[in-house]
Amino acid sequence: MSVASLNGVAAANLVSSATMAGLLRCLVQKGLLEAADVREIYEIALLILEQQQGAVPEAVATFQAARSAIERNLA
């Protein structure tokens, strides 16, 4: 995969992550979600990653990076 393609994938992932974080923050500010709800969403995301990681053992580093990003939101 070319550097431009990798940059495009990375940019798409960043947009997705930023959009999700913004959406969750907006829902909390509007009173539609509580902070505990957001925490639960991130915890479920971690669980889903753990379940999927076993199916793609060659992508361990990618899953670890994703898990670290989610865990930062839980801190």
Protein backbone atom coordinates (compact mmCIF):
# COMPACT_ATOMS: atom_id res chain seq x y z
CA MET A 1 0.00 0.00 0.00
CA SER A 2 1.39 3.41 -0.91
CA VAL A 3 2.14 6.17 1.57
CA ALA A 4 -0.70 8.24 0.12
CA SER A 5 -3.11 5.33 0.63
CA LEU A 6 -1.91 4.81 4.19
CA ASN A 7 -2.32 8.52 4.89
CA GLY A 8 -5.83 8.39 3.48
CA VAL A 9 -6.76 5.46 5.70
CA ALA A 10 -5.22 7.16 8.74
CA ALA A 11 -7.08 10.39 7.95
CA ALA A 12 -10.38 8.53 7.57
CA ASN A 13 -9.84 6.82 10.91
CA LEU A 14 -9.03 10.13 12.60
CA VAL A 15 -12.17 11.72 11.15
CA SER A 16 -14.24 8.79 12.37
CA SER A 17 -12.74 8.91 15.87
CA ALA A 18 -13.09 12.67 16.17
CA THR A 19 -16.67 12.55 14.92
CA MET A 20 -17.59 9.82 17.42
CA ALA A 21 -16.01 11.71 20.31
CA GLY A 22 -17.78 14.90 19.23
CA LEU A 23 -21.10 13.10 18.93
CA LEU A 24 -20.78 11.58 22.40
CA ARG A 25 -19.80 14.94 23.90
CA CYS A 26 -22.74 16.66 22.19
CA LEU A 27 -25.19 14.03 23.46
CA VAL A 28 -23.89 14.49 27.01
CA GLN A 29 -24.16 18.29 26.74
CA LYS A 30 -27.76 17.99 25.50
CA GLY A 31 -28.59 15.72 28.42
CA LEU A 32 -29.34 12.74 26.20
CA LEU A 33 -26.47 10.70 27.63
CA GLU A 34 -24.81 10.69 31.02
CA ALA A 35 -21.06 10.44 31.44
CA ALA A 36 -21.60 6.87 32.66
CA ASP A 37 -23.32 6.06 29.35
CA VAL A 38 -20.29 7.29 27.41
CA ARG A 39 -18.01 5.20 29.60
CA GLU A 40 -20.19 2.17 28.93
CA ILE A 41 -19.98 2.78 25.17
CA TYR A 42 -16.18 2.83 25.32
CA GLU A 43 -16.13 -0.28 27.52
CA ILE A 44 -18.33 -2.11 25.01
CA ALA A 45 -16.01 -0.97 22.22
CA LEU A 46 -13.08 -2.53 24.13
CA LEU A 47 -14.99 -5.77 24.51
CA ILE A 48 -15.78 -5.85 20.79
CA LEU A 49 -12.09 -5.27 19.95
CA GLU A 50 -11.07 -8.13 22.22
CA GLN A 51 -13.59 -10.43 20.57
CA GLN A 52 -12.47 -9.48 17.06
CA GLN A 53 -8.74 -9.66 17.77
CA GLY A 54 -8.79 -13.43 17.97
CA ALA A 55 -10.13 -13.63 14.42
CA VAL A 56 -7.25 -11.56 13.00
CA PRO A 57 -4.11 -12.61 14.91
CA GLU A 58 -1.79 -10.96 12.37
CA ALA A 59 -3.21 -7.53 13.30
CA VAL A 60 -2.22 -7.59 16.98
CA ALA A 61 -0.40 -4.24 16.78
CA THR A 62 -3.41 -2.58 15.17
CA PHE A 63 -5.75 -3.89 17.85
CA GLN A 64 -3.34 -2.78 20.59
CA ALA A 65 -3.25 0.74 19.13
CA ALA A 66 -7.05 0.84 18.93
CA ARG A 67 -7.36 -0.43 22.50
CA SER A 68 -4.92 2.24 23.73
CA ALA A 69 -6.92 4.97 22.00
CA ILE A 70 -10.16 3.80 23.62
CA GLU A 71 -8.54 3.38 27.03
CA ARG A 72 -7.39 7.03 26.91
CA ASN A 73 -11.06 7.99 26.68
CA LEU A 74 -11.78 5.90 29.77
CA ALA A 75 -9.03 7.49 31.85
